[in-house]
Amino acid sequence: MKQVQKIAYVKALMYIAAADENVDETERQQFTQLGDLYGLTDSEISQVADSVIKKEESLESILGNITDRSTQLLLMYDLMAICYVDNNYSLAEKNNMRTITRIMGIEEAKLIEMESVMEESVTLHKKINSILEKQGDAQNENW
């Protein structure tokens, strides 16, 4: 993935984390980890975060840099993971996911399928924690 795509990808991740106007510590940590994974420096990650929070660039402009379908689908998956990390897939996040799907030209059925799988995953993880007799906080209940 080219650097411009990596930055656009991470911007999209931060955009969804900020969709509910509240970026909590769990979301920020996951965002930072994904930025690291995609080879961005701490400075680049901070610049991306500031840019997105200040809404310096439109979502259409950000997503316009991600044109490969497999990258778009992977982005959708990562966006869903960020949406679910705080145990609250908010209405704002749902609406933004639909907007993102539409902008990228991905069929809504893919999004619905991903939402369903994420819900199943969360439920399964809660069952595993119950079997293991774990008293989970918000982060442990998801992963």
N, C-alpha and C. Protein backbone atom coordinates (compact mmCIF):
# COMPACT_ATOMS: atom_id res chain seq x y z
N MET A 1 0.85 -1.17 0.00
CA MET A 1 0.00 0.00 0.00
C MET A 1 0.90 1.24 0.00
N LYS A 2 0.60 2.18 -0.87
CA LYS A 2 1.39 3.40 -0.95
C LYS A 2 1.13 4.27 0.28
N GLN A 3 2.08 5.17 0.59
CA GLN A 3 1.99 6.00 1.78
C GLN A 3 0.71 6.84 1.80
N VAL A 4 0.31 7.37 0.65
CA VAL A 4 -0.90 8.19 0.61
C VAL A 4 -2.13 7.35 0.96
N GLN A 5 -2.14 6.08 0.54
CA GLN A 5 -3.24 5.18 0.89
C GLN A 5 -3.20 4.84 2.37
N LYS A 6 -2.00 4.62 2.90
CA LYS A 6 -1.87 4.31 4.33
C LYS A 6 -2.42 5.45 5.17
N ILE A 7 -2.06 6.67 4.81
CA ILE A 7 -2.53 7.83 5.56
C ILE A 7 -4.05 7.97 5.42
N ALA A 8 -4.57 7.78 4.22
CA ALA A 8 -6.02 7.85 4.01
C ALA A 8 -6.73 6.76 4.83
N TYR A 9 -6.15 5.59 4.86
CA TYR A 9 -6.71 4.46 5.60
C TYR A 9 -6.80 4.81 7.08
N VAL A 10 -5.72 5.32 7.63
CA VAL A 10 -5.69 5.67 9.05
C VAL A 10 -6.62 6.86 9.32
N LYS A 11 -6.71 7.79 8.39
CA LYS A 11 -7.67 8.90 8.55
C LYS A 11 -9.09 8.37 8.63
N ALA A 12 -9.41 7.41 7.80
CA ALA A 12 -10.76 6.83 7.82
C ALA A 12 -11.02 6.14 9.16
N LEU A 13 -10.00 5.46 9.69
CA LEU A 13 -10.15 4.82 11.00
C LEU A 13 -10.43 5.84 12.09
N MET A 14 -9.68 6.94 12.05
CA MET A 14 -9.88 7.98 13.05
C MET A 14 -11.23 8.65 12.86
N TYR A 15 -11.65 8.81 11.63
CA TYR A 15 -12.94 9.41 11.35
C TYR A 15 -14.06 8.63 12.03
N ILE A 16 -14.03 7.32 11.91
CA ILE A 16 -15.11 6.51 12.51
C ILE A 16 -15.00 6.52 14.04
N ALA A 17 -13.78 6.56 14.55
CA ALA A 17 -13.61 6.62 16.02
C ALA A 17 -14.19 7.92 16.57
N ALA A 18 -14.13 8.98 15.78
CA ALA A 18 -14.63 10.28 16.22
C ALA A 18 -16.09 10.51 15.82
N ALA A 19 -16.72 9.53 15.19
CA ALA A 19 -18.08 9.71 14.66
C ALA A 19 -19.09 10.08 15.73
N ASP A 20 -18.91 9.56 16.92
CA ASP A 20 -19.85 9.86 18.00
C ASP A 20 -19.40 11.05 18.84
N GLU A 21 -18.45 11.83 18.29
CA GLU A 21 -17.91 13.02 18.94
C GLU A 21 -17.18 12.71 20.25
N ASN A 22 -16.86 11.45 20.47
CA ASN A 22 -16.18 11.04 21.69
C ASN A 22 -15.18 9.94 21.35
N VAL A 23 -13.91 10.27 21.39
CA VAL A 23 -12.87 9.27 21.15
C VAL A 23 -12.34 8.86 22.51
N ASP A 24 -12.75 7.67 22.96
CA ASP A 24 -12.28 7.24 24.27
C ASP A 24 -10.90 6.61 24.17
N GLU A 25 -10.33 6.32 25.31
CA GLU A 25 -8.95 5.82 25.36
C GLU A 25 -8.79 4.49 24.62
N THR A 26 -9.78 3.61 24.71
CA THR A 26 -9.71 2.32 24.02
C THR A 26 -9.67 2.53 22.51
N GLU A 27 -10.51 3.42 22.01
CA GLU A 27 -10.52 3.70 20.57
C GLU A 27 -9.20 4.34 20.15
N ARG A 28 -8.69 5.26 20.94
CA ARG A 28 -7.43 5.94 20.61
C ARG A 28 -6.27 4.93 20.58
N GLN A 29 -6.26 3.99 21.54
CA GLN A 29 -5.20 2.97 21.57
C GLN A 29 -5.26 2.09 20.33
N GLN A 30 -6.47 1.67 19.96
CA GLN A 30 -6.59 0.81 18.78
C GLN A 30 -6.18 1.58 17.52
N PHE A 31 -6.58 2.83 17.45
CA PHE A 31 -6.21 3.67 16.32
C PHE A 31 -4.69 3.80 16.22
N THR A 32 -4.04 4.05 17.36
CA THR A 32 -2.58 4.20 17.39
C THR A 32 -1.90 2.88 16.98
N GLN A 33 -2.42 1.76 17.46
CA GLN A 33 -1.85 0.46 17.10
C GLN A 33 -1.97 0.21 15.60
N LEU A 34 -3.13 0.55 15.04
CA LEU A 34 -3.31 0.36 13.60
C LEU A 34 -2.40 1.29 12.81
N GLY A 35 -2.23 2.52 13.28
CA GLY A 35 -1.30 3.45 12.63
C GLY A 35 0.11 2.90 12.63
N ASP A 36 0.52 2.35 13.79
CA ASP A 36 1.84 1.71 13.89
C ASP A 36 1.95 0.53 12.92
N LEU A 37 0.89 -0.26 12.88
CA LEU A 37 0.87 -1.43 12.00
C LEU A 37 1.06 -1.03 10.54
N TYR A 38 0.51 0.11 10.16
CA TYR A 38 0.63 0.57 8.78
C TYR A 38 1.86 1.44 8.56
N GLY A 39 2.75 1.45 9.53
CA GLY A 39 4.05 2.09 9.35
C GLY A 39 4.07 3.59 9.49
N LEU A 40 3.06 4.16 10.11
CA LEU A 40 3.06 5.60 10.33
C LEU A 40 3.85 5.92 11.61
N THR A 41 4.51 7.04 11.59
CA THR A 41 5.25 7.48 12.77
C THR A 41 4.26 8.07 13.78
N ASP A 42 4.71 8.23 15.02
CA ASP A 42 3.86 8.85 16.04
C ASP A 42 3.44 10.25 15.61
N SER A 43 4.36 10.97 14.97
CA SER A 43 4.06 12.32 14.49
C SER A 43 2.97 12.29 13.42
N GLU A 44 3.08 11.35 12.47
CA GLU A 44 2.06 11.22 11.43
C GLU A 44 0.71 10.86 12.03
N ILE A 45 0.71 9.96 13.01
CA ILE A 45 -0.53 9.55 13.67
C ILE A 45 -1.18 10.75 14.36
N SER A 46 -0.39 11.55 15.04
CA SER A 46 -0.92 12.76 15.70
C SER A 46 -1.47 13.75 14.68
N GLN A 47 -0.74 13.94 13.57
CA GLN A 47 -1.21 14.86 12.53
C GLN A 47 -2.52 14.37 11.93
N VAL A 48 -2.63 13.07 11.69
CA VAL A 48 -3.86 12.50 11.14
C VAL A 48 -5.00 12.73 12.12
N ALA A 49 -4.77 12.45 13.38
CA ALA A 49 -5.81 12.63 14.40
C ALA A 49 -6.28 14.08 14.45
N ASP A 50 -5.35 15.01 14.49
CA ASP A 50 -5.70 16.43 14.53
C ASP A 50 -6.49 16.84 13.29
N SER A 51 -6.05 16.38 12.13
CA SER A 51 -6.70 16.70 10.86
C SER A 51 -8.15 16.21 10.85
N VAL A 52 -8.35 14.99 11.32
CA VAL A 52 -9.70 14.41 11.30
C VAL A 52 -10.59 15.08 12.34
N ILE A 53 -10.07 15.27 13.53
CA ILE A 53 -10.87 15.89 14.60
C ILE A 53 -11.28 17.31 14.21
N LYS A 54 -10.40 18.03 13.52
CA LYS A 54 -10.71 19.39 13.08
C LYS A 54 -11.50 19.42 11.78
N LYS A 55 -11.76 18.23 11.21
CA LYS A 55 -12.52 18.09 9.96
C LYS A 55 -11.92 18.93 8.83
N GLU A 56 -10.61 18.84 8.69
CA GLU A 56 -9.90 19.60 7.66
C GLU A 56 -10.10 19.03 6.26
N GLU A 57 -10.57 17.80 6.17
CA GLU A 57 -10.72 17.12 4.89
C GLU A 57 -12.05 16.37 4.89
N SER A 58 -12.72 16.37 3.75
CA SER A 58 -14.01 15.67 3.67
C SER A 58 -13.79 14.16 3.65
N LEU A 59 -14.80 13.45 4.08
CA LEU A 59 -14.75 11.99 4.05
C LEU A 59 -14.58 11.50 2.62
N GLU A 60 -15.25 12.13 1.68
CA GLU A 60 -15.13 11.74 0.27
C GLU A 60 -13.70 11.87 -0.21
N SER A 61 -13.05 12.95 0.20
CA SER A 61 -11.66 13.17 -0.19
C SER A 61 -10.74 12.11 0.42
N ILE A 62 -10.97 11.79 1.68
CA ILE A 62 -10.17 10.76 2.35
C ILE A 62 -10.33 9.42 1.65
N LEU A 63 -11.57 9.01 1.45
CA LEU A 63 -11.84 7.69 0.87
C LEU A 63 -11.49 7.62 -0.61
N GLY A 64 -11.41 8.75 -1.27
CA GLY A 64 -11.04 8.78 -2.68
C GLY A 64 -9.64 8.24 -2.94
N ASN A 65 -8.82 8.19 -1.91
CA ASN A 65 -7.46 7.67 -2.05
C ASN A 65 -7.39 6.15 -1.89
N ILE A 66 -8.52 5.53 -1.59
CA ILE A 66 -8.56 4.08 -1.39
C ILE A 66 -9.49 3.50 -2.45
N THR A 67 -8.91 2.98 -3.52
CA THR A 67 -9.71 2.56 -4.67
C THR A 67 -9.71 1.05 -4.89
N ASP A 68 -8.78 0.34 -4.32
CA ASP A 68 -8.69 -1.11 -4.48
C ASP A 68 -9.77 -1.78 -3.62
N ARG A 69 -10.61 -2.62 -4.22
CA ARG A 69 -11.73 -3.24 -3.50
C ARG A 69 -11.27 -4.04 -2.29
N SER A 70 -10.22 -4.81 -2.43
CA SER A 70 -9.78 -5.61 -1.28
C SER A 70 -9.34 -4.71 -0.13
N THR A 71 -8.71 -3.59 -0.43
CA THR A 71 -8.32 -2.63 0.60
C THR A 71 -9.56 -1.97 1.20
N GLN A 72 -10.55 -1.68 0.37
CA GLN A 72 -11.80 -1.09 0.86
C GLN A 72 -12.51 -2.04 1.83
N LEU A 73 -12.56 -3.33 1.47
CA LEU A 73 -13.22 -4.31 2.34
C LEU A 73 -12.45 -4.49 3.64
N LEU A 74 -11.14 -4.51 3.57
CA LEU A 74 -10.34 -4.59 4.78
C LEU A 74 -10.56 -3.36 5.65
N LEU A 75 -10.65 -2.20 5.02
CA LEU A 75 -10.94 -0.97 5.75
C LEU A 75 -12.28 -1.07 6.46
N MET A 76 -13.29 -1.58 5.77
CA MET A 76 -14.61 -1.74 6.40
C MET A 76 -14.50 -2.63 7.64
N TYR A 77 -13.75 -3.71 7.54
CA TYR A 77 -13.58 -4.60 8.68
C TYR A 77 -12.89 -3.87 9.84
N ASP A 78 -11.81 -3.17 9.55
CA ASP A 78 -11.10 -2.43 10.60
C ASP A 78 -11.98 -1.34 11.20
N LEU A 79 -12.78 -0.68 10.37
CA LEU A 79 -13.70 0.34 10.87
C LEU A 79 -14.72 -0.28 11.81
N MET A 80 -15.24 -1.44 11.44
CA MET A 80 -16.20 -2.13 12.30
C MET A 80 -15.56 -2.51 13.64
N ALA A 81 -14.31 -2.95 13.60
CA ALA A 81 -13.62 -3.31 14.83
C ALA A 81 -13.51 -2.10 15.75
N ILE A 82 -13.22 -0.94 15.19
CA ILE A 82 -13.14 0.28 16.00
C ILE A 82 -14.52 0.64 16.54
N CYS A 83 -15.54 0.48 15.74
CA CYS A 83 -16.90 0.78 16.20
C CYS A 83 -17.29 -0.08 17.41
N TYR A 84 -16.87 -1.32 17.40
CA TYR A 84 -17.27 -2.26 18.44
C TYR A 84 -16.34 -2.29 19.64
N VAL A 85 -15.18 -1.67 19.57
CA VAL A 85 -14.18 -1.80 20.63
C VAL A 85 -14.66 -1.24 21.96
N ASP A 86 -15.55 -0.25 21.94
CA ASP A 86 -16.03 0.33 23.20
C ASP A 86 -17.38 -0.25 23.63
N ASN A 87 -17.77 -1.36 23.03
CA ASN A 87 -19.04 -2.03 23.34
C ASN A 87 -20.25 -1.17 23.03
N ASN A 88 -20.11 -0.20 22.15
CA ASN A 88 -21.22 0.67 21.82
C ASN A 88 -21.15 1.03 20.34
N TYR A 89 -21.87 0.29 19.53
CA TYR A 89 -21.98 0.60 18.10
C TYR A 89 -23.11 1.61 17.98
N SER A 90 -22.73 2.86 18.10
CA SER A 90 -23.70 3.95 18.21
C SER A 90 -24.42 4.20 16.89
N LEU A 91 -25.53 4.92 16.98
CA LEU A 91 -26.27 5.28 15.78
C LEU A 91 -25.41 6.13 14.85
N ALA A 92 -24.62 7.03 15.42
CA ALA A 92 -23.72 7.86 14.61
C ALA A 92 -22.72 6.98 13.87
N GLU A 93 -22.15 5.97 14.55
CA GLU A 93 -21.20 5.06 13.90
C GLU A 93 -21.90 4.27 12.80
N LYS A 94 -23.11 3.77 13.07
CA LYS A 94 -23.86 3.01 12.06
C LYS A 94 -24.11 3.87 10.82
N ASN A 95 -24.57 5.09 11.05
CA ASN A 95 -24.84 5.99 9.93
C ASN A 95 -23.57 6.30 9.14
N ASN A 96 -22.47 6.51 9.85
CA ASN A 96 -21.20 6.78 9.16
C ASN A 96 -20.72 5.57 8.39
N MET A 97 -20.92 4.39 8.92
CA MET A 97 -20.53 3.18 8.19
C MET A 97 -21.33 3.05 6.90
N ARG A 98 -22.61 3.40 6.94
CA ARG A 98 -23.41 3.35 5.73
C ARG A 98 -22.94 4.39 4.71
N THR A 99 -22.59 5.56 5.20
CA THR A 99 -22.08 6.60 4.31
C THR A 99 -20.76 6.16 3.68
N ILE A 100 -19.88 5.61 4.48
CA ILE A 100 -18.58 5.13 3.98
C ILE A 100 -18.77 4.04 2.93
N THR A 101 -19.67 3.12 3.22
CA THR A 101 -19.96 2.03 2.28
C THR A 101 -20.45 2.60 0.95
N ARG A 102 -21.36 3.56 1.02
CA ARG A 102 -21.91 4.18 -0.18
C ARG A 102 -20.82 4.92 -0.97
N ILE A 103 -20.00 5.71 -0.27
CA ILE A 103 -18.95 6.47 -0.94
C ILE A 103 -17.97 5.55 -1.67
N MET A 104 -17.64 4.43 -1.05
CA MET A 104 -16.67 3.50 -1.67
C MET A 104 -17.32 2.61 -2.72
N GLY A 105 -18.65 2.66 -2.84
CA GLY A 105 -19.32 1.85 -3.85
C GLY A 105 -19.43 0.38 -3.44
N ILE A 106 -19.38 0.12 -2.15
CA ILE A 106 -19.53 -1.24 -1.65
C ILE A 106 -21.01 -1.49 -1.36
N GLU A 107 -21.52 -2.63 -1.76
CA GLU A 107 -22.92 -2.93 -1.56
C GLU A 107 -23.25 -3.01 -0.05
N GLU A 108 -24.42 -2.48 0.31
CA GLU A 108 -24.82 -2.43 1.71
C GLU A 108 -24.93 -3.83 2.32
N ALA A 109 -25.22 -4.82 1.50
CA ALA A 109 -25.32 -6.20 2.01
C ALA A 109 -24.00 -6.64 2.66
N LYS A 110 -22.87 -6.17 2.14
CA LYS A 110 -21.57 -6.50 2.75
C LYS A 110 -21.49 -5.91 4.16
N LEU A 111 -21.94 -4.68 4.31
CA LEU A 111 -21.93 -4.04 5.62
C LEU A 111 -22.84 -4.78 6.59
N ILE A 112 -24.02 -5.12 6.15
CA ILE A 112 -24.97 -5.84 7.01
C ILE A 112 -24.37 -7.17 7.45
N GLU A 113 -23.71 -7.84 6.52
CA GLU A 113 -23.07 -9.12 6.84
C GLU A 113 -21.95 -8.93 7.87
N MET A 114 -21.14 -7.87 7.70
CA MET A 114 -20.07 -7.59 8.67
C MET A 114 -20.63 -7.25 10.04
N GLU A 115 -21.70 -6.46 10.07
CA GLU A 115 -22.32 -6.11 11.35
C GLU A 115 -22.79 -7.37 12.07
N SER A 116 -23.39 -8.26 11.33
CA SER A 116 -23.89 -9.51 11.91
C SER A 116 -22.76 -10.35 12.48
N VAL A 117 -21.68 -10.47 11.73
CA VAL A 117 -20.52 -11.25 12.18
C VAL A 117 -19.90 -10.62 13.43
N MET A 118 -19.82 -9.29 13.46
CA MET A 118 -19.26 -8.61 14.64
C MET A 118 -20.13 -8.87 15.86
N GLU A 119 -21.44 -8.81 15.70
CA GLU A 119 -22.35 -9.08 16.82
C GLU A 119 -22.16 -10.52 17.32
N GLU A 120 -22.05 -11.46 16.40
CA GLU A 120 -21.82 -12.86 16.77
C GLU A 120 -20.50 -13.00 17.51
N SER A 121 -19.48 -12.31 17.04
CA SER A 121 -18.16 -12.37 17.66
C SER A 121 -18.19 -11.83 19.09
N VAL A 122 -18.87 -10.70 19.29
CA VAL A 122 -18.98 -10.11 20.62
C VAL A 122 -19.71 -11.08 21.55
N THR A 123 -20.80 -11.65 21.07
CA THR A 123 -21.57 -12.61 21.87
C THR A 123 -20.72 -13.82 22.23
N LEU A 124 -19.99 -14.35 21.25
CA LEU A 124 -19.13 -15.51 21.48
C LEU A 124 -18.05 -15.18 22.51
N HIS A 125 -17.46 -14.01 22.38
CA HIS A 125 -16.40 -13.62 23.32
C HIS A 125 -16.95 -13.50 24.75
N LYS A 126 -18.15 -12.96 24.88
CA LYS A 126 -18.77 -12.86 26.20
C LYS A 126 -19.00 -14.25 26.79
N LYS A 127 -19.43 -15.20 25.96
CA LYS A 127 -19.63 -16.58 26.42
C LYS A 127 -18.31 -17.20 26.87
N ILE A 128 -17.25 -16.97 26.11
CA ILE A 128 -15.93 -17.49 26.47
C ILE A 128 -15.50 -16.91 27.81
N ASN A 129 -15.67 -15.59 27.97
CA ASN A 129 -15.32 -14.96 29.25
C ASN A 129 -16.12 -15.56 30.40
N SER A 130 -17.38 -15.85 30.16
CA SER A 130 -18.22 -16.46 31.19
C SER A 130 -17.70 -17.85 31.56
N ILE A 131 -17.36 -18.64 30.56
CA ILE A 131 -16.82 -19.98 30.80
C ILE A 131 -15.52 -19.90 31.59
N LEU A 132 -14.70 -18.92 31.24
CA LEU A 132 -13.42 -18.74 31.92
C LEU A 132 -13.56 -17.98 33.25
N GLU A 133 -14.82 -17.63 33.57
CA GLU A 133 -15.13 -16.92 34.81
C GLU A 133 -14.35 -15.62 34.94
N LYS A 134 -14.25 -14.91 33.83
CA LYS A 134 -13.57 -13.61 33.82
C LYS A 134 -14.57 -12.52 34.11
N GLN A 135 -14.16 -11.60 34.94
CA GLN A 135 -14.94 -10.38 35.18
C GLN A 135 -14.39 -9.36 34.22
N GLY A 136 -15.02 -9.15 33.07
CA GLY A 136 -14.44 -8.32 32.01
C GLY A 136 -14.81 -6.86 32.13
N ASP A 137 -13.82 -6.02 31.84
CA ASP A 137 -14.11 -4.61 31.65
C ASP A 137 -14.52 -4.45 30.20
N ALA A 138 -14.79 -3.23 29.77
CA ALA A 138 -15.28 -3.00 28.40
C ALA A 138 -14.33 -3.56 27.37
N GLN A 139 -13.03 -3.40 27.57
CA GLN A 139 -12.07 -3.88 26.58
C GLN A 139 -12.03 -5.40 26.57
N ASN A 140 -12.02 -6.04 27.74
CA ASN A 140 -11.94 -7.49 27.79
C ASN A 140 -13.20 -8.17 27.28
N GLU A 141 -14.34 -7.49 27.38
CA GLU A 141 -15.56 -8.11 26.90
C GLU A 141 -15.55 -8.23 25.38
N ASN A 142 -14.81 -7.37 24.71
CA ASN A 142 -14.73 -7.47 23.25
C ASN A 142 -13.61 -8.40 22.82
N TRP A 143 -12.44 -8.28 23.40
CA TRP A 143 -11.29 -9.07 23.00
C TRP A 143 -10.45 -9.27 24.17
